[in-house]
Protein backbone atom coordinates (compact mmCIF):
# COMPACT_ATOMS: atom_id res chain seq x y z
CA MET A 1 20.21 -44.07 -31.88
CA PRO A 2 23.22 -42.81 -33.87
CA ALA A 3 26.54 -42.69 -32.08
CA GLU A 4 26.78 -38.92 -32.55
CA THR A 5 23.56 -38.36 -30.60
CA ARG A 6 24.45 -40.91 -27.92
CA THR A 7 27.90 -39.54 -27.09
CA THR A 8 27.28 -35.79 -26.99
CA GLY A 9 24.93 -35.94 -23.98
CA ARG A 10 22.55 -33.34 -25.48
CA SER A 11 19.52 -33.67 -27.69
CA PRO A 12 19.95 -32.63 -31.34
CA ALA A 13 17.35 -29.89 -30.94
CA ARG A 14 19.31 -28.37 -28.09
CA ARG A 15 22.58 -28.59 -30.02
CA PHE A 16 20.97 -26.51 -32.75
CA GLY A 17 19.87 -23.84 -30.23
CA TRP A 18 16.15 -24.75 -30.00
CA ARG A 19 14.80 -24.75 -26.46
CA PRO A 20 11.23 -26.17 -26.37
CA ASP A 21 11.05 -25.65 -22.61
CA ARG A 22 11.10 -21.90 -23.17
CA LEU A 23 7.64 -21.82 -24.77
CA GLN A 24 5.83 -21.38 -21.47
CA GLY A 25 8.18 -18.53 -20.63
CA ILE A 26 7.48 -16.97 -24.03
CA ARG A 27 3.74 -17.21 -23.39
CA PHE A 28 4.16 -15.61 -19.98
CA ARG A 29 6.38 -12.78 -21.21
CA LEU A 30 4.10 -12.16 -24.18
CA GLY A 31 1.12 -11.91 -21.85
CA LEU A 32 3.02 -9.48 -19.64
CA ALA A 33 4.02 -7.40 -22.64
CA MET A 34 0.43 -7.24 -23.87
CA ALA A 35 -0.83 -6.38 -20.40
CA ALA A 36 1.80 -3.64 -20.12
CA ALA A 37 0.90 -2.30 -23.57
CA LEU A 38 -2.77 -2.11 -22.67
CA LEU A 39 -2.17 -0.91 -19.13
CA PRO A 40 -1.85 2.81 -20.06
CA ILE A 41 -5.38 2.69 -21.48
CA PHE A 42 -6.65 1.28 -18.22
CA ILE A 43 -4.62 3.77 -16.18
CA LEU A 44 -5.94 6.62 -18.33
CA SER A 45 -9.46 5.39 -17.67
CA LEU A 46 -8.73 5.28 -13.95
CA ILE A 47 -7.30 8.80 -14.04
CA GLN A 48 -10.37 10.03 -15.89
CA THR A 49 -12.56 8.18 -13.43
CA GLN A 50 -10.67 9.70 -10.50
CA ALA A 51 -11.12 13.15 -12.06
CA ASP A 52 -14.83 12.44 -12.40
CA PHE A 53 -14.85 11.33 -8.79
CA ARG A 54 -13.21 14.58 -7.70
CA GLN A 55 -15.84 16.50 -9.62
CA GLN A 56 -18.51 14.40 -7.98
CA ALA A 57 -16.91 14.95 -4.58
CA GLU A 58 -16.81 18.70 -5.18
CA ALA A 59 -20.42 18.66 -6.32
CA ARG A 60 -21.20 16.62 -3.23
CA ARG A 61 -19.67 19.27 -1.02
CA VAL A 62 -21.71 21.93 -2.76
CA ASP A 63 -24.78 19.76 -2.21
CA LEU A 64 -23.75 19.44 1.42
CA GLN A 65 -23.53 23.21 1.73
CA LEU A 66 -26.96 23.59 0.18
CA ALA A 67 -28.28 20.84 2.42
CA ALA A 68 -26.90 22.70 5.44
CA GLU A 69 -28.78 25.79 4.37
CA ARG A 70 -31.96 23.80 3.77
CA SER A 71 -31.70 21.95 7.07
CA SER A 72 -31.37 25.28 8.87
CA ALA A 73 -34.46 26.77 7.22
CA SER A 74 -36.80 25.92 10.12
CA THR A 75 -34.34 27.21 12.69
CA LYS A 76 -33.80 30.39 10.70
CA ALA A 77 -37.58 30.85 10.36
CA ARG A 78 -37.89 30.40 14.11
CA LEU A 79 -35.33 33.13 14.75
CA ASP A 80 -36.96 35.43 12.21
CA SER A 81 -40.38 34.92 13.80
CA THR A 82 -38.85 35.63 17.19
CA GLN A 83 -37.40 38.88 15.90
CA VAL A 84 -40.79 39.91 14.46
CA LEU A 85 -42.46 39.01 17.73
CA LEU A 86 -40.03 41.06 19.76
CA ARG A 87 -40.43 44.10 17.54
CA ALA A 88 -44.19 43.82 17.75
CA LEU A 89 -44.14 43.56 21.54
CA SER A 90 -41.58 46.27 22.18
CA PRO A 91 -43.93 49.35 22.11
CA ALA A 92 -46.62 47.67 24.27
CA ALA A 93 -44.29 46.13 26.83
CA LEU A 94 -44.38 49.17 29.13
CA GLY A 95 -48.11 49.15 30.00
CA PRO A 96 -49.69 48.01 33.27
CA TYR A 97 -50.70 44.66 31.88
CA CYS A 98 -47.27 43.85 30.36
CA THR A 99 -46.33 40.99 32.66
CA PRO A 100 -49.58 39.02 32.32
CA ARG A 101 -49.53 39.54 28.60
CA LEU A 102 -45.91 38.24 28.18
CA SER A 103 -46.62 35.30 30.49
CA ALA A 104 -49.69 34.39 28.45
CA LEU A 105 -47.68 34.54 25.25
CA VAL A 106 -45.00 32.23 26.68
CA ASP A 107 -47.71 29.78 27.70
CA ASP A 108 -49.42 29.95 24.32
CA LEU A 109 -46.34 29.98 22.10
CA GLU A 110 -44.31 26.77 21.93
CA GLY A 111 -40.55 26.93 22.31
CA TYR A 112 -40.10 30.01 24.50
CA GLU A 113 -38.64 29.97 27.97
CA GLY A 114 -39.35 33.64 28.65
CA LEU A 115 -39.94 37.16 27.25
CA TYR A 116 -38.33 40.24 28.80
CA ARG A 117 -38.55 44.05 28.50
CA VAL A 118 -35.30 45.50 29.78
CA SER A 119 -34.83 49.16 30.66
CA PRO A 120 -31.84 51.25 29.50
CA THR A 121 -30.16 50.45 32.83
CA GLY A 122 -30.59 46.70 32.35
CA GLN A 123 -33.45 46.12 34.77
CA ALA A 124 -36.43 43.92 33.82
CA VAL A 125 -39.38 46.30 33.72
CA CYS A 126 -41.65 43.56 32.33
CA ALA A 127 -41.01 39.84 32.19
CA SER A 128 -42.68 36.46 31.97
CA GLY A 129 -40.34 34.84 34.43
CA ARG A 130 -40.47 32.68 37.46
CA ASP A 131 -41.56 34.04 40.76
CA GLU A 132 -38.29 33.01 42.38
CA GLY A 133 -36.22 35.13 39.97
CA PHE A 134 -34.93 35.47 36.45
CA ARG A 135 -32.26 33.55 34.57
CA SER A 136 -28.79 34.84 35.30
CA GLY A 137 -27.45 37.09 32.54
CA VAL A 138 -30.92 38.06 31.31
CA ALA A 139 -32.14 40.31 34.09
CA PRO A 140 -30.59 42.31 35.42
CA ALA A 141 -28.57 42.65 32.20
CA GLY A 142 -26.52 45.72 32.87
CA GLN A 143 -23.17 43.90 32.58
CA SER A 144 -24.20 41.22 30.06
CA GLY A 145 -22.44 41.01 26.73
CA TRP A 146 -25.57 41.01 24.64
CA PHE A 147 -26.92 44.09 26.39
CA GLU A 148 -23.65 45.95 25.95
CA ARG A 149 -23.69 45.17 22.22
CA LEU A 150 -27.22 46.55 21.85
CA ARG A 151 -26.29 49.62 23.82
CA ALA A 152 -23.34 50.07 21.45
CA GLY A 153 -25.73 50.29 18.52
CA GLU A 154 -26.38 46.78 17.20
CA ASP A 155 -30.01 46.12 16.19
CA MET A 156 -30.12 42.42 17.03
CA VAL A 157 -28.01 40.07 19.11
CA VAL A 158 -28.18 36.29 19.32
CA MET A 159 -26.09 34.79 22.10
CA ARG A 160 -26.03 31.71 24.26
CA ALA A 161 -27.46 32.33 27.68
CA PRO A 162 -25.07 31.96 30.60
CA VAL A 163 -25.05 28.50 32.16
CA ASP A 164 -27.52 28.32 34.99
CA SER A 165 -28.12 25.14 36.98
CA ASP A 166 -31.80 25.98 37.39
CA TYR A 167 -32.42 26.45 33.67
CA PRO A 168 -31.77 24.28 30.59
CA PRO A 169 -29.26 25.53 27.96
CA ALA A 170 -30.86 28.32 26.00
CA LEU A 171 -30.30 31.08 23.48
CA ILE A 172 -30.91 34.77 24.06
CA VAL A 173 -32.44 36.68 21.13
CA ALA A 174 -32.59 40.44 21.78
CA ILE A 175 -33.44 43.54 19.75
CA ARG A 176 -32.60 47.17 20.46
CA ALA A 177 -35.38 49.46 21.66
CA GLU A 178 -35.17 53.14 20.76
CA ARG A 179 -37.01 56.34 21.53
CA PRO A 180 -38.35 58.48 18.66
CA MET A 181 -35.08 60.41 18.36
CA GLY A 182 -33.04 57.18 18.17
CA ARG A 183 -31.93 57.25 21.76
CA PHE A 184 -31.28 53.85 23.40
CA ASP A 185 -34.32 52.75 25.33
CA GLY A 186 -33.31 49.31 26.52
CA ALA A 187 -34.07 45.97 24.85
CA MET A 188 -36.70 43.42 24.14
CA ALA A 189 -35.34 39.87 24.70
CA ALA A 190 -36.56 36.30 24.31
CA VAL A 191 -34.98 33.15 25.80
CA ILE A 192 -35.35 30.07 23.58
CA PRO A 193 -34.25 26.58 24.74
CA LEU A 194 -31.52 25.16 22.46
CA THR A 195 -33.36 21.87 22.14
CA THR A 196 -36.10 23.60 20.16
CA LEU A 197 -33.60 25.04 17.69
CA GLN A 198 -31.86 21.75 16.73
CA PRO A 199 -31.91 21.41 12.87
CA ASP A 200 -33.80 18.42 11.55
CA THR A 201 -31.64 15.51 10.30
CA ARG A 202 -34.58 13.71 8.68
CA ASP A 203 -34.27 15.81 5.56
CA PRO A 204 -34.06 13.30 2.63
CA ALA A 205 -31.68 15.69 0.89
CA LEU A 206 -29.05 15.12 3.59
CA PRO A 207 -26.39 12.42 2.91
CA GLN A 208 -26.69 9.19 4.83
CA GLY A 209 -25.08 9.41 8.26
CA SER A 210 -25.38 13.19 8.50
CA GLU A 211 -25.39 14.98 11.84
CA THR A 212 -26.30 18.64 12.59
CA ALA A 213 -25.21 21.13 15.20
CA LEU A 214 -25.51 24.82 16.17
CA THR A 215 -22.41 26.89 16.90
CA ASP A 216 -21.88 30.43 18.05
CA GLY A 217 -19.92 33.09 16.19
CA ALA A 218 -16.63 31.67 17.52
CA GLY A 219 -17.48 28.21 16.21
CA ARG A 220 -18.11 26.78 19.67
CA LEU A 221 -20.62 23.96 19.79
CA LEU A 222 -24.01 24.94 21.26
CA THR A 223 -26.08 21.84 20.53
CA ALA A 224 -25.70 18.79 18.26
CA SER A 225 -27.66 15.74 17.18
CA ASP A 226 -24.50 13.65 17.89
CA ALA A 227 -21.73 15.52 19.68
CA SER A 228 -19.09 12.84 18.85
CA ALA A 229 -19.39 13.71 15.16
CA PHE A 230 -18.18 17.22 16.02
CA GLN A 231 -15.41 16.10 18.37
CA LEU A 232 -12.27 15.93 16.24
CA SER A 233 -9.46 13.39 16.56
CA GLY A 234 -6.82 14.36 19.07
CA GLY A 235 -9.38 15.63 21.57
CA GLY A 236 -10.24 18.91 19.79
CA ASP A 237 -13.59 20.18 18.57
CA VAL A 238 -14.87 22.33 15.74
CA ALA A 239 -14.26 25.56 17.65
CA GLY A 240 -12.76 28.14 15.35
CA TRP A 241 -14.24 26.78 12.14
CA VAL A 242 -16.03 30.07 11.49
CA GLU A 243 -12.75 31.96 11.55
CA ARG A 244 -11.10 29.36 9.30
CA ALA A 245 -14.02 29.61 6.88
CA ARG A 246 -13.61 33.38 6.75
CA ASN A 247 -9.86 33.10 6.14
CA ASP A 248 -10.16 30.32 3.53
CA GLY A 249 -13.17 31.82 1.81
CA ALA A 250 -15.21 28.64 2.11
CA ALA A 251 -17.59 27.25 4.72
CA VAL A 252 -16.79 23.62 3.82
CA PHE A 253 -13.89 21.70 5.38
CA GLU A 254 -12.80 18.11 6.01
CA ALA A 255 -11.55 16.54 9.26
CA ARG A 256 -11.49 13.29 11.24
CA ASP A 257 -13.91 12.87 14.11
CA SER A 258 -13.09 11.35 17.49
CA ARG A 259 -13.71 7.82 16.08
CA GLY A 260 -11.17 8.36 13.32
CA GLN A 261 -13.78 8.59 10.56
CA ARG A 262 -13.12 11.16 7.88
CA ARG A 263 -16.05 13.53 7.55
CA ASP A 264 -17.07 16.60 5.54
CA TYR A 265 -18.38 19.65 7.35
CA ALA A 266 -20.44 22.50 5.90
CA GLY A 267 -21.80 25.57 7.72
CA ALA A 268 -24.38 28.29 7.13
CA ALA A 269 -25.20 31.49 9.04
CA LEU A 270 -28.54 31.71 10.82
CA ALA A 271 -28.48 35.11 12.48
CA GLY A 272 -25.83 37.51 11.31
CA GLY A 273 -22.51 36.50 12.80
CA ASP A 274 -23.89 35.11 16.06
CA LEU A 275 -25.43 31.75 15.18
CA TYR A 276 -24.48 29.09 12.62
CA VAL A 277 -25.74 25.69 11.63
CA LEU A 278 -23.05 23.06 10.98
CA ILE A 279 -23.75 19.80 9.17
CA SER A 280 -21.39 16.80 9.10
CA ALA A 281 -21.47 13.83 6.71
CA PRO A 282 -19.03 10.91 6.15
CA SER A 283 -16.44 11.60 3.44
CA PRO A 284 -16.74 9.48 0.28
CA GLY A 285 -13.24 7.94 0.64
CA LEU A 286 -10.62 7.08 -1.99
CA LEU A 287 -12.60 4.27 -3.62
CA SER A 288 -16.05 5.73 -3.32
CA TRP A 289 -16.08 6.52 -7.04
CA ALA A 290 -16.55 2.79 -7.52
CA ARG A 291 -19.62 2.94 -5.29
CA LEU A 292 -20.91 6.22 -6.72
CA ASN A 293 -20.83 4.93 -10.29
CA PRO A 294 -19.58 1.33 -10.37
CA ILE A 295 -20.44 0.64 -14.00
CA GLY A 296 -19.13 3.79 -15.61
CA ALA A 297 -16.32 4.40 -13.12
CA LEU A 298 -14.76 0.95 -12.75
CA LEU A 299 -16.47 -1.84 -14.61
CA LEU A 300 -16.45 -0.23 -18.05
CA PRO A 301 -12.69 0.64 -18.03
CA LEU A 302 -11.84 -2.73 -16.53
CA GLY A 303 -14.09 -4.53 -18.99
CA ALA A 304 -12.57 -2.62 -21.91
CA TRP A 305 -9.07 -3.49 -20.74
CA LEU A 306 -9.93 -7.17 -20.23
CA THR A 307 -11.67 -7.31 -23.60
CA ALA A 308 -8.70 -5.76 -25.37
CA PHE A 309 -6.31 -8.06 -23.50
CA ALA A 310 -8.37 -11.15 -24.37
CA ALA A 311 -8.61 -10.09 -28.01
CA VAL A 312 -4.87 -9.53 -28.28
CA MET A 313 -4.11 -12.82 -26.51
CA LEU A 314 -6.54 -14.70 -28.75
CA LEU A 315 -5.05 -13.11 -31.84
CA SER A 316 -1.49 -13.83 -30.72
CA GLU A 317 -2.49 -17.39 -29.86
CA ARG A 318 -3.99 -17.82 -33.30
CA LEU A 319 -1.13 -16.24 -35.21
CA PHE A 320 1.88 -17.05 -33.07
CA ILE A 321 1.56 -19.20 -29.95
CA ARG A 322 -0.14 -22.20 -31.56
CA TRP A 323 2.60 -22.36 -34.19
CA LEU A 324 5.25 -22.21 -31.50
CA ASP A 325 3.47 -25.04 -29.74
CA TYR A 326 3.48 -27.02 -32.99
CA LEU A 327 7.21 -26.40 -33.47
CA GLU A 328 7.77 -27.39 -29.85
CA ARG A 329 6.15 -30.78 -30.47
CA VAL A 330 8.26 -31.27 -33.60
CA ALA A 331 11.43 -30.35 -31.66
CA ALA A 332 10.45 -32.81 -28.90
CA ILE A 333 10.20 -35.56 -31.55
CA TYR A 334 13.64 -34.54 -32.85
CA ALA A 335 14.99 -34.74 -29.29
CA LYS A 336 14.02 -38.44 -29.30
CA GLY A 337 16.07 -39.03 -32.45
CA ARG A 338 13.18 -39.23 -34.93
CA PHE A 339 13.98 -36.90 -37.79
CA SER A 340 11.55 -38.29 -40.36
CA VAL A 341 8.81 -35.93 -39.13
CA ARG A 342 9.00 -32.54 -40.85
CA PRO A 343 7.12 -29.31 -39.92
CA ILE A 344 5.05 -29.23 -43.11
CA GLN A 345 1.97 -27.65 -41.48
CA ALA A 346 3.99 -24.56 -40.56
CA MET A 347 4.22 -23.62 -44.22
CA ASN A 348 0.83 -21.93 -43.75
CA ALA A 349 2.05 -19.96 -40.72
CA PRO A 350 3.26 -16.33 -40.68
CA SER A 351 6.61 -15.63 -42.29
CA GLU A 352 8.57 -15.59 -39.01
CA ILE A 353 7.21 -19.01 -38.09
CA ARG A 354 7.98 -20.34 -41.58
CA VAL A 355 11.61 -19.26 -41.12
CA MET A 356 11.80 -21.18 -37.85
CA ALA A 357 10.11 -24.20 -39.46
CA ARG A 358 12.61 -24.16 -42.34
CA THR A 359 15.42 -23.97 -39.80
CA LEU A 360 14.06 -27.03 -38.00
CA ASP A 361 13.62 -28.83 -41.31
CA GLU A 362 17.18 -28.03 -42.37
CA MET A 363 18.41 -29.13 -38.96
CA ALA A 364 16.60 -32.46 -39.27
CA GLU A 365 17.93 -32.95 -42.81
CA ALA A 366 21.48 -32.10 -41.73
CA ILE A 367 21.33 -34.51 -38.79
CA THR A 368 19.80 -37.23 -40.98
CA VAL A 369 22.57 -36.85 -43.56
CA ARG A 370 25.23 -36.77 -40.86
CA ASP A 371 23.79 -39.83 -39.10
CA ARG A 372 23.60 -41.70 -42.38
CA SER A 373 27.23 -40.80 -43.11
CA LEU A 374 28.31 -41.82 -39.63
CA THR A 375 26.36 -45.06 -39.84
CA ASP A 376 27.96 -45.88 -43.18
CA SER A 377 31.39 -45.02 -41.80
CA LEU A 378 30.81 -47.19 -38.75
CA ALA A 379 29.58 -50.07 -40.88
CA GLU A 380 32.63 -49.75 -43.12
CA LYS A 381 34.89 -49.56 -40.09
CA ASP A 382 33.20 -52.58 -38.56
CA ALA A 383 33.64 -54.59 -41.78
CA LEU A 384 37.31 -53.61 -41.95
CA MET A 385 37.87 -54.55 -38.32
CA ARG A 386 36.21 -57.93 -38.85
CA GLU A 387 38.31 -58.50 -41.94
CA ILE A 388 41.47 -57.62 -40.00
CA HIS A 389 40.54 -59.92 -37.11
CA HIS A 390 39.72 -62.68 -39.59
CA ARG A 391 43.06 -62.32 -41.32
CA VAL A 392 44.96 -62.17 -38.04
CA LYS A 393 43.15 -65.32 -36.93
CA ASN A 394 44.02 -67.04 -40.22
CA ASN A 395 47.66 -66.00 -39.93
CA LEU A 396 47.85 -67.28 -36.36
CA GLN A 397 46.26 -70.57 -37.46
CA ILE A 398 48.86 -70.86 -40.22
CA ILE A 399 51.59 -70.27 -37.65
CA SER A 400 49.97 -72.88 -35.38
CA SER A 401 49.83 -75.37 -38.27
CA LEU A 402 53.52 -74.76 -39.08
CA LEU A 403 54.43 -75.30 -35.43
CA SER A 404 52.36 -78.50 -35.42
CA MET A 405 54.28 -79.74 -38.50
CA GLN A 406 57.56 -78.77 -36.88
CA GLN A 407 56.53 -80.52 -33.67
CA ARG A 408 55.93 -83.78 -35.52
CA ALA A 409 59.36 -83.51 -37.22
CA VAL A 410 61.29 -82.95 -33.99
CA ALA A 411 62.57 -86.05 -32.21
CA ASP A 412 63.65 -84.43 -28.94
CA ALA A 413 60.89 -84.79 -26.35
CA SER A 414 61.54 -81.47 -24.56
CA ALA A 415 61.64 -79.55 -27.84
CA LYS A 416 58.46 -81.24 -28.99
CA ALA A 417 56.75 -80.27 -25.69
CA ALA A 418 57.94 -76.67 -26.00
CA LEU A 419 56.61 -76.40 -29.55
CA GLY A 420 53.27 -77.88 -28.40
CA ASP A 421 52.95 -75.31 -25.61
CA THR A 422 53.73 -72.47 -28.02
CA ARG A 423 51.19 -73.79 -30.51
CA GLN A 424 48.48 -73.82 -27.82
CA ARG A 425 49.26 -70.22 -26.85
CA ILE A 426 49.04 -69.10 -30.46
CA SER A 427 45.77 -71.02 -30.91
CA ALA A 428 44.35 -69.22 -27.86
CA LEU A 429 45.23 -65.84 -29.39
CA ALA A 430 43.69 -66.91 -32.67
CA LEU A 431 40.53 -67.85 -30.82
CA ILE A 432 40.36 -64.29 -29.43
CA TYR A 433 40.29 -62.80 -32.92
CA ARG A 434 37.80 -65.37 -34.15
CA THR A 435 35.50 -64.56 -31.21
CA LEU A 436 35.77 -60.85 -31.98
CA TYR A 437 34.91 -60.95 -35.67
CA GLN A 438 32.07 -63.43 -35.03
CA SER A 439 30.52 -61.29 -32.26
CA ASP A 440 27.98 -58.50 -32.79
CA ASP A 441 30.50 -55.88 -31.67
CA VAL A 442 34.10 -56.27 -32.86
CA ARG A 443 35.35 -54.19 -29.95
CA HIS A 444 34.26 -56.49 -27.09
CA ALA A 445 33.79 -60.15 -26.33
CA ASP A 446 31.89 -62.09 -23.69
CA ALA A 447 34.39 -63.72 -21.33
CA ARG A 448 31.94 -66.52 -20.50
CA VAL A 449 31.54 -67.57 -24.16
CA PHE A 450 35.25 -67.19 -24.86
CA LEU A 451 36.44 -69.20 -21.82
CA THR A 452 33.97 -72.00 -22.55
CA GLU A 453 35.17 -72.28 -26.14
CA LEU A 454 38.86 -72.03 -25.19
CA VAL A 455 38.62 -74.83 -22.61
CA GLY A 456 36.87 -77.02 -25.13
CA GLN A 457 39.57 -76.27 -27.70
CA LEU A 458 42.40 -77.10 -25.26
CA ILE A 459 40.81 -80.36 -24.14
CA ALA A 460 39.99 -81.37 -27.74
CA SER A 461 43.58 -80.78 -28.90
CA GLU A 462 44.84 -83.47 -26.48
CA ALA A 463 41.88 -85.82 -26.71
CA GLY A 464 43.57 -88.39 -28.98
CA ARG A 465 46.91 -88.54 -27.11
CA GLY A 466 45.94 -90.24 -23.86
CA PRO A 467 43.15 -91.10 -21.45
CA MET A 468 39.95 -89.05 -21.60
CA VAL A 469 39.65 -85.78 -19.69
CA VAL A 470 36.14 -84.51 -18.83
CA SER A 471 35.83 -80.72 -18.50
CA SER A 472 33.15 -78.38 -17.13
CA VAL A 473 32.99 -74.59 -17.22
CA GLU A 474 31.06 -72.26 -14.86
CA ALA A 475 31.52 -68.64 -15.85
CA ASP A 476 29.83 -65.29 -15.29
CA THR A 477 29.11 -62.95 -18.17
CA LEU A 478 31.56 -60.07 -18.55
CA TYR A 479 32.11 -58.05 -21.72
CA VAL A 480 35.75 -56.98 -21.97
CA ASP A 481 38.06 -55.66 -24.66
CA PRO A 482 40.79 -57.81 -26.32
CA ASP A 483 43.62 -56.18 -24.32
CA LYS A 484 42.23 -57.70 -21.12
CA LEU A 485 41.07 -60.90 -22.77
CA ALA A 486 44.57 -61.86 -24.04
CA PRO A 487 46.33 -62.26 -20.62
CA LEU A 488 43.20 -63.96 -19.29
CA ALA A 489 43.31 -66.48 -22.15
CA LEU A 490 47.07 -67.08 -21.89
CA TRP A 491 46.83 -67.66 -18.13
CA LEU A 492 44.06 -70.20 -18.70
CA VAL A 493 46.19 -71.96 -21.38
CA GLU A 494 49.09 -72.30 -18.93
CA ALA A 495 46.81 -73.52 -16.12
CA VAL A 496 45.09 -76.14 -18.30
CA SER A 497 48.42 -77.26 -19.87
CA ASN A 498 49.90 -77.61 -16.39
CA ALA A 499 46.96 -79.83 -15.34
CA GLN A 500 47.31 -81.94 -18.49
CA LYS A 501 51.01 -82.48 -17.87
CA HIS A 502 50.98 -83.15 -14.12
CA ALA A 503 47.46 -84.24 -13.13
CA PHE A 504 46.03 -86.08 -16.12
CA ALA A 505 49.19 -87.63 -17.68
CA GLY A 506 48.57 -91.37 -18.17
CA ARG A 507 45.33 -91.37 -16.15
CA GLY A 508 42.79 -88.82 -17.38
CA GLY A 509 40.47 -87.11 -14.96
CA HIS A 510 37.99 -84.30 -14.42
CA LEU A 511 38.84 -80.62 -15.11
CA LYS A 512 36.71 -77.79 -13.64
CA VAL A 513 37.01 -74.19 -14.74
CA ARG A 514 35.23 -71.45 -12.76
CA PHE A 515 35.07 -67.72 -13.49
CA ARG A 516 33.33 -65.50 -10.95
CA VAL A 517 32.85 -61.74 -11.01
CA ASP A 518 32.38 -60.29 -7.53
CA GLY A 519 32.19 -56.52 -7.94
CA ALA A 520 35.66 -55.02 -8.21
CA THR A 521 37.37 -58.43 -7.95
CA SER A 522 37.21 -61.41 -10.30
CA VAL A 523 38.49 -64.95 -9.77
CA LEU A 524 39.48 -67.52 -12.42
CA GLU A 525 40.10 -71.06 -11.13
CA VAL A 526 41.24 -74.28 -12.82
CA GLU A 527 40.71 -77.35 -10.62
CA ASP A 528 41.96 -80.91 -11.34
CA ASP A 529 41.62 -84.14 -9.42
CA GLY A 530 45.30 -85.10 -9.74
CA PRO A 531 47.87 -86.08 -7.08
CA GLY A 532 48.06 -82.64 -5.48
CA VAL A 533 50.00 -79.40 -5.51
CA PRO A 534 53.44 -79.82 -7.08
CA SER A 535 56.45 -78.80 -5.00
CA ASP A 536 58.17 -75.50 -5.48
CA ASP A 537 61.07 -77.36 -7.06
CA ASP A 538 58.82 -78.21 -10.01
CA VAL A 539 58.19 -74.55 -10.86
CA GLY A 540 58.79 -74.14 -14.59
CA VAL A 541 58.18 -71.74 -17.40
CA GLY A 542 54.38 -72.27 -17.27
CA ARG A 543 53.99 -71.16 -13.65
CA THR A 544 56.30 -68.23 -14.27
CA LEU A 545 54.16 -67.11 -17.20
CA MET A 546 51.01 -67.51 -15.10
CA GLY A 547 52.42 -65.07 -12.56
CA ALA A 548 53.35 -62.61 -15.32
CA PHE A 549 49.91 -62.78 -16.93
CA ALA A 550 48.26 -62.23 -13.52
CA LYS A 551 50.33 -59.08 -12.98
CA GLN A 552 49.13 -57.74 -16.35
CA LEU A 553 45.60 -57.91 -14.94
CA ARG A 554 46.69 -56.33 -11.62
CA GLY A 555 46.25 -59.64 -9.81
CA GLU A 556 48.11 -62.61 -8.41
CA ALA A 557 48.25 -66.33 -9.14
CA GLN A 558 48.55 -69.16 -6.65
CA MET A 559 48.37 -72.96 -6.48
CA VAL A 560 46.28 -74.35 -3.62
CA PRO A 561 45.06 -77.85 -2.71
CA ALA A 562 41.54 -78.75 -3.78
CA PRO A 563 39.09 -79.78 -0.98
CA GLY A 564 38.49 -83.24 -2.48
CA GLY A 565 42.07 -83.81 -3.53
CA GLY A 566 43.90 -82.38 -6.50
CA THR A 567 45.08 -78.84 -7.24
CA ILE A 568 43.41 -75.49 -7.83
CA ALA A 569 45.22 -72.92 -9.96
CA ARG A 570 43.66 -69.59 -8.94
CA MET A 571 44.09 -66.10 -10.33
CA THR A 572 42.52 -63.22 -8.41
CA PHE A 573 42.55 -59.91 -10.27
CA ALA A 574 40.83 -56.54 -10.54
CA THR A 575 37.68 -56.80 -12.63
CA PRO A 576 38.28 -55.16 -16.01
CA GLU A 577 36.04 -52.26 -16.93
CA ALA A 578 32.90 -53.95 -18.10
CA VAL A 579 30.63 -53.02 -20.97
CA HIS A 580 26.92 -53.78 -20.58
CA PRO A 581 25.68 -56.36 -23.06
CA GLU A 582 23.15 -53.93 -24.58
CA GLU A 583 25.94 -51.40 -25.21
CA ALA A 584 28.22 -54.02 -26.65
CA SER A 585 25.51 -55.15 -28.98
């Protein structure tokens, strides 16, 4: 990978502003935008559907009102027949055979508790009643409400009979009797049990779950097929609905029953303003339009919205998303450093995609040109650095050769030794530069390879001047730069030279060099098998330089006895910042 890409820490595609990971977000936002654009159509359909539902609900209430009137038809017919019967019996109810005749009629006619002929004073002059007495409020009727209303001039009165423990709940139907001149002549009354007047709920025209009831003119419940349907939430009942219907101008209302169910109520008059039939049916509810017409009300708008959404998504996928996905794959390849792939297929895409593809292509071309330029510059720099290291090495070798010639010309032993030591130090530095320009990376060198070669060079330089010295090197791999390698090499030169002068002079021996890297600390040791550690009085320039070189590496140098005899020159120092071999190469 080019150095430019490796050192910036970001992929080339990201440096040019392309974010492939945003494609999923683009898809999501595009889907939301399309859904939002099509949502008004769906909402409009729902509004229209809700309007249709309201119309259906209103029509349903009208149907409920009509159903209430139809369900009360039998009860109304019963009241009408009772009125006809009473008018037919009124003239003949004063004869001697009145009581047997009325009793026979009650026995023959179903649904009558009793028939009564009441005098103008409220006394029963003829009745089909029990021997033990008449129902309270019927006879005598002088203070009864129904009788007072007839006396006041009303033609017909329908009223609930007073509660009597000996009689079942019943309804009083009475008509006014008059003399030829229109003078009040009492009343003709019939008592009808309420159970026989209950409207029929089996009418197929009634909504499912309907219940029926009879109420008086005040809206009080007289009888009901299910009283709980007419008991409202909060403990109230439907009393007063007649008055509310008169005030509101409608006989249809909505309320919650005692079980909390919302119900519709519709009423119809049976006998003037005295008797009403009330029908109750469950309300449709907010979502009943979906049940009333599920296909036209819900499924068609929803299907149209989903179809439009799918069509738009498919079209956008065909014209836009798939090209973005293609460019994403190309950008991912660029992120891996492969710029030979070009987005050629996008040339057939829409114009906006072609612009993005050209941008990616130009980006890849620019990075390729830049990487080629950088690679050429690095290669040129590397060649120059190798040439410089080679020349420095040659110059140092020339200086070493001159010192060697000067050493041979000098007669003084101490001067000759000093020139020899200097020549070895210069040769060690020359070896550093030779190692650098021969390595794969001119900026770093492997300490293990360098130390092995340096020890061999030092031993070989003295091989022909005395007994043989056998050397061995054990070293760990550590890639370091030349600044740290120089003091390491010079310390090793001084340690080996010291062993050659004091341990191996006139006798030879075995030299061991060990280099260990233990985390943050490294140790370089030179062990000989000579006579032992020299005294402090023998400290010379070499040991002084060893201490100075150790300080350059933030370490210390010491001379310690070897376990098997001899001396160990040891330098313990902070491990230089290492470069991994794959990076150095």
